Protein backbone atom coordinates (compact mmCIF):
# COMPACT_ATOMS: atom_id res chain seq x y z
CA MET A 1 152.73 57.83 -29.44
CA PRO A 2 153.73 59.65 -32.65
CA ILE A 3 150.89 61.16 -34.68
CA LEU A 4 152.71 61.44 -38.03
CA GLU A 5 153.36 58.13 -39.76
CA HIS A 6 154.51 57.46 -43.31
CA PRO A 7 156.38 54.43 -44.72
CA ALA A 8 158.57 56.57 -47.01
CA TYR A 9 160.24 58.56 -44.21
CA PRO A 10 162.19 57.49 -41.10
CA PRO A 11 160.25 57.65 -37.81
CA ALA A 12 162.94 59.89 -36.28
CA THR A 13 162.45 62.46 -39.06
CA LEU A 14 158.68 62.41 -38.64
CA LEU A 15 159.04 62.78 -34.89
CA CYS A 16 161.28 65.81 -35.40
CA LEU A 17 158.76 67.25 -37.87
CA GLU A 18 155.93 66.71 -35.39
CA SER A 19 157.79 68.67 -32.72
CA LEU A 20 158.38 71.57 -35.13
CA VAL A 21 154.73 71.99 -36.19
CA PRO A 22 152.64 71.84 -32.99
CA CYS A 23 148.86 71.97 -33.37
CA ARG A 24 149.13 71.38 -37.13
CA GLU A 25 149.55 67.61 -37.09
CA SER A 26 146.29 66.89 -38.94
CA GLN A 27 147.18 69.26 -41.80
CA VAL A 28 150.71 67.87 -42.06
CA SER A 29 149.38 64.31 -42.02
CA MET A 30 147.02 65.19 -44.88
CA LEU A 31 149.87 66.74 -46.87
CA LEU A 32 152.04 63.66 -46.33
CA SER A 33 149.25 61.47 -47.64
CA ILE A 34 148.92 63.68 -50.75
CA PHE A 35 152.67 63.86 -51.36
CA GLY A 36 153.23 60.11 -51.12
CA GLU A 37 156.72 58.84 -51.81
CA ARG A 38 159.35 60.81 -53.73
CA GLN A 39 158.95 58.84 -56.96
CA GLN A 40 155.15 58.68 -56.87
CA LEU A 41 153.09 60.98 -59.06
CA SER A 42 151.62 63.62 -56.76
CA PHE A 43 148.52 65.80 -57.15
CA PRO A 44 149.08 68.50 -59.82
CA SER A 45 148.07 71.48 -57.67
CA ILE A 46 147.14 72.13 -54.04
CA PHE A 47 145.40 75.26 -52.74
CA ILE A 48 146.00 76.03 -49.03
CA TYR A 49 144.11 78.93 -47.48
CA GLY A 50 143.58 80.40 -44.04
CA HIS A 51 143.77 83.66 -42.13
CA THR A 52 146.98 85.52 -41.34
CA SER A 53 149.32 83.72 -38.91
CA SER A 54 147.56 80.37 -39.24
CA GLY A 55 150.87 78.63 -40.01
CA LYS A 56 150.58 78.09 -43.77
CA THR A 57 153.99 79.40 -44.82
CA TYR A 58 155.82 78.08 -41.76
CA VAL A 59 154.33 74.58 -42.05
CA MET A 60 155.15 74.30 -45.76
CA LYS A 61 158.74 75.50 -45.32
CA THR A 62 159.29 73.23 -42.32
CA LEU A 63 157.73 70.22 -44.03
CA LEU A 64 159.74 70.55 -47.25
CA ASN A 65 163.04 71.35 -45.51
CA THR A 66 162.75 68.64 -42.84
CA LEU A 67 161.92 65.92 -45.36
CA GLN A 68 164.53 67.37 -47.80
CA LEU A 69 162.11 67.44 -50.70
CA PRO A 70 163.17 69.34 -53.85
CA HIS A 71 161.18 72.55 -53.92
CA VAL A 72 160.99 76.18 -54.96
CA PHE A 73 159.50 78.80 -52.62
CA VAL A 74 158.48 82.16 -54.11
CA ASN A 75 156.64 85.12 -52.60
CA CYS A 76 154.27 86.59 -55.19
CA VAL A 77 154.38 90.02 -53.53
CA GLU A 78 158.11 90.27 -54.18
CA CYS A 79 157.75 88.89 -57.73
CA PHE A 80 154.86 91.13 -58.73
CA THR A 81 155.00 90.49 -62.50
CA SER A 82 154.74 87.21 -64.38
CA ARG A 83 158.24 87.58 -65.79
CA LEU A 84 159.81 88.13 -62.36
CA LEU A 85 157.85 85.20 -60.98
CA LEU A 86 158.83 82.76 -63.73
CA GLU A 87 162.48 83.83 -63.66
CA GLU A 88 162.67 83.50 -59.87
CA ILE A 89 161.34 79.93 -60.06
CA LEU A 90 163.96 79.01 -62.66
CA ILE A 91 166.77 80.67 -60.69
CA GLN A 92 165.94 78.78 -57.50
CA LEU A 93 165.47 75.53 -59.39
CA GLN A 94 168.84 75.81 -61.16
CA ASN A 95 170.62 76.63 -57.92
CA GLY A 96 168.98 73.75 -56.12
CA SER A 97 167.96 75.79 -53.05
CA PRO A 98 165.57 78.67 -52.35
CA GLU A 99 168.20 80.44 -50.23
CA THR A 100 170.90 80.69 -52.90
CA LYS A 101 170.62 83.21 -55.70
CA ARG A 102 172.66 83.54 -58.85
CA ALA A 103 173.57 86.88 -60.33
CA SER A 104 172.44 86.51 -63.94
CA PRO A 105 168.66 86.06 -64.37
CA VAL A 106 167.18 83.61 -66.84
CA PRO A 107 165.35 85.43 -69.65
CA CYS A 108 161.78 84.16 -69.70
CA ASP A 109 159.17 86.26 -71.48
CA THR A 110 156.32 83.79 -72.00
CA PHE A 111 154.94 80.72 -70.28
CA ASN A 112 156.01 78.60 -73.25
CA ASP A 113 159.60 79.64 -72.59
CA PHE A 114 159.11 78.84 -68.93
CA VAL A 115 157.89 75.30 -69.67
CA ARG A 116 160.90 74.66 -71.92
CA LEU A 117 163.42 76.08 -69.45
CA PHE A 118 161.70 74.28 -66.55
CA LYS A 119 162.25 70.92 -68.25
CA GLN A 120 165.91 71.77 -68.88
CA ALA A 121 166.40 72.76 -65.23
CA LEU A 122 164.93 69.45 -64.04
CA MET A 123 167.27 67.58 -66.37
CA SER A 124 170.33 69.50 -65.17
CA GLN A 125 169.47 68.86 -61.50
CA ASN A 126 168.62 65.16 -62.07
CA LEU A 127 165.11 65.61 -60.70
CA GLN A 128 163.21 63.71 -63.39
CA ASP A 129 162.38 60.84 -61.01
CA GLN A 130 161.31 62.93 -58.03
CA THR A 131 158.36 65.17 -57.26
CA VAL A 132 159.34 68.84 -57.42
CA TYR A 133 157.19 71.25 -55.40
CA VAL A 134 156.63 74.83 -56.56
CA VAL A 135 155.22 76.84 -53.63
CA LEU A 136 153.69 80.24 -54.42
CA ASP A 137 153.15 82.24 -51.24
CA ARG A 138 150.63 85.14 -51.23
CA ALA A 139 149.12 83.56 -54.33
CA GLU A 140 146.24 86.07 -54.44
CA GLN A 141 148.63 88.31 -56.37
CA LEU A 142 148.34 85.93 -59.33
CA ARG A 143 144.90 87.37 -60.03
CA GLU A 144 146.56 90.68 -60.98
CA MET A 145 148.79 89.03 -63.60
CA GLU A 146 147.97 87.84 -67.12
CA ALA A 147 144.86 85.69 -67.43
CA ASN A 148 146.81 82.60 -68.50
CA VAL A 149 149.25 82.51 -65.55
CA LEU A 150 147.00 80.96 -62.89
CA PRO A 151 145.42 78.26 -65.15
CA ALA A 152 148.88 77.38 -66.49
CA PHE A 153 150.32 76.89 -63.01
CA LEU A 154 147.39 74.67 -62.07
CA ARG A 155 148.19 72.44 -65.08
CA LEU A 156 151.98 72.70 -64.90
CA GLN A 157 152.32 68.95 -64.43
CA GLU A 158 150.42 68.35 -67.65
CA LEU A 159 152.24 71.07 -69.61
CA THR A 160 155.74 69.92 -68.61
CA ASP A 161 154.96 66.18 -68.55
CA ARG A 162 156.99 66.02 -65.34
CA ASN A 163 156.24 65.08 -61.75
CA VAL A 164 155.68 68.58 -60.36
CA THR A 165 153.17 69.86 -57.81
CA VAL A 166 152.22 73.53 -57.53
CA ILE A 167 151.14 74.65 -54.05
CA LEU A 168 149.27 77.95 -53.70
CA LEU A 169 149.20 79.66 -50.27
CA SER A 170 146.57 82.34 -49.82
CA GLU A 171 144.45 84.19 -47.27
CA ILE A 172 141.31 84.17 -49.44
CA VAL A 173 139.06 81.34 -50.56
CA TRP A 174 139.34 79.51 -53.87
CA GLU A 175 136.07 80.99 -55.16
CA MET A 176 137.86 84.36 -55.39
CA PHE A 177 140.46 82.75 -57.69
CA ARG A 178 138.33 80.70 -60.06
CA PRO A 179 138.28 82.34 -63.53
CA ASN A 180 134.99 82.84 -65.33
CA THR A 181 136.18 80.59 -68.15
CA GLY A 182 136.92 77.75 -65.74
CA CYS A 183 140.19 76.01 -64.91
CA PHE A 184 141.67 72.86 -63.40
CA GLU A 185 140.39 72.53 -59.83
CA PRO A 186 143.17 72.09 -57.24
CA PHE A 187 143.00 70.05 -54.06
CA ILE A 188 141.81 72.50 -51.36
CA LEU A 189 143.14 72.37 -47.80
CA TYR A 190 142.02 74.75 -45.03
CA PHE A 191 144.21 75.90 -42.15
CA PRO A 192 141.90 77.02 -39.29
CA ASP A 193 142.85 79.72 -36.82
CA TYR A 194 144.74 78.72 -33.72
CA SER A 195 142.47 78.32 -30.70
CA ILE A 196 143.44 79.76 -27.33
CA GLY A 197 144.61 76.30 -26.27
CA HIS A 198 146.82 76.03 -29.36
CA LEU A 199 148.31 79.48 -28.73
CA GLN A 200 148.96 78.54 -25.10
CA LYS A 201 150.80 75.39 -26.17
CA ILE A 202 152.86 77.09 -28.91
CA LEU A 203 153.85 80.15 -26.87
CA SER A 204 154.73 78.05 -23.81
CA GLN A 205 157.39 76.20 -25.81
CA ASN A 206 159.59 79.32 -25.88
CA HIS A 207 160.16 79.50 -22.14
CA PRO A 208 163.62 80.69 -21.00
CA PRO A 209 165.83 77.95 -19.53
CA GLU A 210 166.40 79.84 -16.26
CA TYR A 211 162.70 79.61 -15.38
CA SER A 212 160.45 76.59 -15.05
CA ALA A 213 157.95 75.64 -17.72
CA ASP A 214 155.02 76.04 -15.30
CA PHE A 215 156.10 79.59 -14.42
CA TYR A 216 156.28 80.62 -18.08
CA SER A 217 153.02 78.81 -18.89
CA ALA A 218 151.28 80.82 -16.14
CA TYR A 219 152.65 84.01 -17.69
CA ILE A 220 151.35 83.02 -21.13
CA ASN A 221 147.96 82.25 -19.60
CA ILE A 222 147.82 85.79 -18.15
CA LEU A 223 148.99 87.30 -21.44
CA LEU A 224 146.34 85.48 -23.47
CA GLY A 225 143.67 86.41 -20.95
CA VAL A 226 144.42 90.05 -21.68
CA PHE A 227 145.17 90.07 -25.40
CA TYR A 228 143.24 87.14 -26.91
CA MET A 229 140.05 89.11 -27.55
CA VAL A 230 141.88 91.87 -29.46
CA CYS A 231 144.80 89.98 -31.01
CA ARG A 232 145.05 86.39 -32.25
CA ASP A 233 148.07 86.91 -34.46
CA LEU A 234 150.70 84.40 -33.35
CA LYS A 235 153.64 86.60 -34.38
CA GLU A 236 152.26 89.62 -32.54
CA LEU A 237 151.59 87.54 -29.43
CA GLN A 238 155.14 86.17 -29.53
CA HIS A 239 156.43 89.73 -29.73
CA LEU A 240 154.26 90.81 -26.77
CA ALA A 241 155.32 87.78 -24.72
CA ALA A 242 159.01 88.50 -25.24
CA LEU A 243 158.55 92.22 -24.59
CA ASN A 244 156.73 91.98 -21.26
CA PHE A 245 158.26 88.88 -19.68
CA SER A 246 161.08 90.78 -17.95
CA LYS A 247 158.52 92.96 -16.18
CA TYR A 248 156.61 89.86 -15.08
CA CYS A 249 159.78 88.41 -13.54
CA GLU A 250 160.76 91.53 -11.55
CA PRO A 251 159.14 90.47 -8.22
CA VAL A 252 160.85 87.08 -8.48
CA VAL A 253 164.23 88.64 -9.28
CA ARG A 254 163.90 91.08 -6.34
CA LYS A 255 162.93 88.17 -4.02
CA GLU A 256 159.58 89.86 -3.33
CA ALA A 257 157.56 86.93 -4.60
CA LYS A 258 157.94 83.30 -5.55
CA GLU A 259 157.15 81.74 -8.90
CA ARG A 260 153.83 80.43 -7.57
CA ASP A 261 152.65 83.81 -6.20
CA THR A 262 150.41 84.44 -9.21
CA ARG A 263 148.45 87.22 -7.51
CA LYS A 264 151.53 89.37 -6.76
CA LEU A 265 152.93 88.75 -10.22
CA TRP A 266 149.63 89.77 -11.81
CA LYS A 267 149.40 92.99 -9.79
CA ASN A 268 152.91 93.94 -10.86
CA ILE A 269 152.38 93.40 -14.60
CA GLU A 270 148.75 94.50 -14.94
CA PRO A 271 149.42 98.24 -15.57
CA HIS A 272 152.14 97.44 -18.09
CA LEU A 273 149.88 95.09 -20.04
CA LYS A 274 147.26 97.86 -20.14
CA LYS A 275 149.86 100.17 -21.69
CA ALA A 276 150.79 97.46 -24.21
CA MET A 277 147.11 97.08 -25.14
CA GLN A 278 147.22 100.58 -26.61
CA THR A 279 150.00 99.73 -29.06
CA VAL A 280 149.00 96.29 -30.38
CA TYR A 281 150.03 96.05 -34.07
CA LEU A 282 151.06 99.74 -34.17
CA ARG A 283 154.82 99.45 -33.48
CA GLU A 284 154.91 103.16 -32.65
CA VAL A 285 157.99 102.58 -30.49
CA SER A 286 160.81 100.06 -30.71
CA SER A 287 161.35 97.26 -28.20
CA SER A 288 164.19 99.12 -26.48
CA GLN A 289 162.11 102.30 -26.23
CA TRP A 290 159.21 100.32 -24.78
CA GLU A 291 161.48 98.81 -22.12
CA ARG A 292 162.69 102.29 -21.15
CA LEU A 293 159.12 103.55 -20.95
CA GLN A 294 158.16 100.68 -18.68
CA CYS A 295 160.79 101.78 -16.19
CA GLU A 296 159.23 105.24 -15.97
CA GLU A 297 156.29 105.90 -13.68
CA GLU A 298 154.23 107.75 -16.28
CA GLU A 299 150.56 107.32 -16.94
CA PRO A 300 149.54 105.94 -20.34
CA GLU A 301 148.09 109.31 -21.35
CA GLN A 302 151.42 111.06 -20.75
CA ILE A 303 153.59 108.71 -22.80
CA LYS A 304 154.60 110.32 -26.02
CA GLY A 305 154.29 108.17 -29.09
CA LEU A 306 151.83 105.71 -27.58
CA SER A 307 148.27 105.78 -28.87
CA ALA A 308 148.93 109.06 -30.63
CA HIS A 309 146.54 108.04 -33.39
CA THR A 310 143.11 109.35 -32.50
CA HIS A 311 141.56 108.40 -35.82
CA VAL A 312 139.99 105.06 -36.68
CA GLU A 313 141.46 103.15 -39.60
CA LEU A 314 138.69 101.92 -41.88
CA PRO A 315 138.87 98.82 -44.09
CA TYR A 316 140.10 99.30 -47.65
CA TYR A 317 136.75 99.20 -49.45
CA SER A 318 134.94 101.16 -46.72
CA LYS A 319 137.02 104.22 -47.58
CA PHE A 320 136.01 104.01 -51.23
CA LEU A 321 132.39 103.38 -50.27
CA LEU A 322 132.36 106.63 -48.31
CA ILE A 323 133.95 108.50 -51.22
CA ALA A 324 131.43 106.99 -53.66
CA ALA A 325 128.54 107.93 -51.34
CA TYR A 326 129.82 111.50 -51.12
CA LEU A 327 130.11 111.78 -54.91
CA ALA A 328 126.66 110.29 -55.44
CA SER A 329 124.97 112.56 -52.90
CA TYR A 330 126.48 115.87 -54.04
CA ASN A 331 126.69 115.36 -57.83
CA PRO A 332 123.65 115.18 -60.15
CA VAL A 333 123.01 111.95 -62.02
CA ARG A 334 123.59 113.69 -65.37
CA THR A 335 127.26 114.34 -64.44
CA ASP A 336 128.15 110.68 -63.80
CA LYS A 337 128.89 110.03 -67.44
CA ARG A 338 131.20 113.04 -67.66
CA PHE A 339 133.04 112.29 -64.40
CA PHE A 340 133.39 108.51 -64.43
CA LEU A 341 133.63 107.48 -68.09
CA LYS A 342 136.80 107.86 -70.13
CA HIS A 343 135.09 108.19 -73.53
CA HIS A 344 131.89 110.00 -72.68
CA GLY A 345 131.67 112.08 -75.85
CA LYS A 346 130.77 115.76 -75.98
CA ILE A 347 128.50 117.22 -73.33
CA LYS A 348 126.23 120.03 -74.52
CA LYS A 349 125.81 122.95 -72.16
CA THR A 350 122.10 123.47 -71.89
CA ASN A 351 120.33 126.59 -70.72
CA PHE A 352 119.39 124.72 -67.56
CA MET A 353 123.05 124.18 -66.68
CA LYS A 354 123.88 127.83 -67.33
CA LYS A 355 121.03 128.96 -65.14
CA HIS A 356 122.18 126.85 -62.17
CA GLU A 357 125.94 126.92 -62.70
CA LYS A 358 126.41 129.43 -59.85
CA THR A 359 124.42 127.33 -57.35
CA SER A 360 126.66 125.10 -55.26
CA ASN A 361 125.43 121.60 -54.54
CA HIS A 362 127.06 121.81 -51.11
CA LEU A 363 124.66 124.60 -50.19
CA LEU A 364 121.70 122.48 -51.26
CA GLY A 365 122.85 119.58 -49.09
CA PRO A 366 123.24 115.85 -49.87
CA LYS A 367 120.64 114.13 -52.04
CA PRO A 368 119.43 110.53 -51.77
CA PHE A 369 120.76 108.05 -54.32
CA PRO A 370 120.05 104.41 -55.27
CA LEU A 371 122.37 101.56 -54.32
CA ASP A 372 123.10 100.69 -57.96
CA ARG A 373 124.49 104.16 -58.57
CA LEU A 374 126.70 103.95 -55.47
CA LEU A 375 128.18 100.61 -56.61
CA ALA A 376 128.69 101.90 -60.16
CA ILE A 377 130.71 104.86 -58.85
CA LEU A 378 132.65 102.51 -56.54
CA TYR A 379 133.66 100.28 -59.45
CA SER A 380 134.87 103.30 -61.44
CA ILE A 381 137.03 104.88 -58.71
CA VAL A 382 138.75 101.69 -57.50
CA ASP A 383 141.75 100.78 -59.62
CA ASN A 384 141.40 97.01 -59.23
CA ARG A 385 138.48 94.96 -60.43
CA VAL A 386 135.90 94.75 -57.63
CA ALA A 387 133.45 91.87 -57.37
CA PRO A 388 130.10 92.51 -55.61
CA THR A 389 130.83 90.09 -52.78
CA ALA A 390 129.29 89.71 -49.34
CA ASN A 391 132.31 91.56 -47.93
CA ILE A 392 131.33 94.74 -49.82
CA PHE A 393 127.70 94.56 -48.75
CA SER A 394 128.59 93.82 -45.11
CA GLN A 395 130.84 96.90 -45.00
CA LEU A 396 128.07 98.93 -46.62
CA SER A 397 125.61 97.72 -43.98
CA SER A 398 128.04 98.60 -41.18
CA LEU A 399 128.55 102.10 -42.58
CA SER A 400 124.79 102.62 -42.88
CA LYS A 401 124.23 101.64 -39.25
CA SER A 402 126.99 103.92 -38.00
CA CYS A 403 125.65 106.98 -39.82
């Protein structure tokens, strides 16, 4: 029985859509209810958030393309300024498809110009009677733009007086977006992480035609049993599944085992999966190089290029927290104003400073410092604006425990 139902779209189209977005039927059903019919006035703005590889971008592209809804799809990382972003939306809208690009850009310096040109583009494409969807992927980059860009996009339907819905896709929660002055609140939709059952179902759909579905499903079950605790990224798991499947099939190809001999198949692939565990996410070697290395009888420690990184990569803010702690422990409090303020005024050289100018603080050792001073130094050395969130304090707690 089909899960997706909507009176505005043919059942065959919805059935095709359901097969393309496995394990995301509830989210797609919610979006269909919000979208309504083509001529109906839709919600002004929708905010969709979830972790990496939770299907946000794929589901939105598949939904809009399958139902053939007029839309614009822009990546905010590629269009890193407001002018590039606004011009890219107008270019795609005037060409009628996100894939086609035209050579000459549309000059658009302000949001007022964008609203005017947006109305003209809708008129030229005969889209006045349909809902137009503007999808902004990696929308967290909007916080780095001018203060009026995000609130204006949230009220684009009101500003243009047209049936347009702005959809923001992000990996962070809405509370990190909301300006201090307030703004129009979008409809918020959460995409949860794929469970191990969801990953099993999605990955099993890509089985090669020369092998049975049960054989490939057993391979995916073994793969997830090894990698699920360290990697839940769907794209990375798809890459690992494609990379190691040929090694899994070797006993069957050589007639040494049958498809149901799970124990023999597991013994054959176990050492190769252990090698692959060392290079998850790293991409230190290409797929062809990895296949050649699998044919060699070398131990993991002897393979050049694999797990060559002996250091541990810290989170972004943890690095700056360590730097701020170092500066706070080895520099006196009286020097903070001179080091971390742009307009600190003139600093008088006192007799005390002259007396101790030859004494190195490194010889005296690190000094204790209060938490407020550490955070103040952190805010001054990080280029972007940092909010004192739970993420910062949790990293600080982890660093304190590890010391």
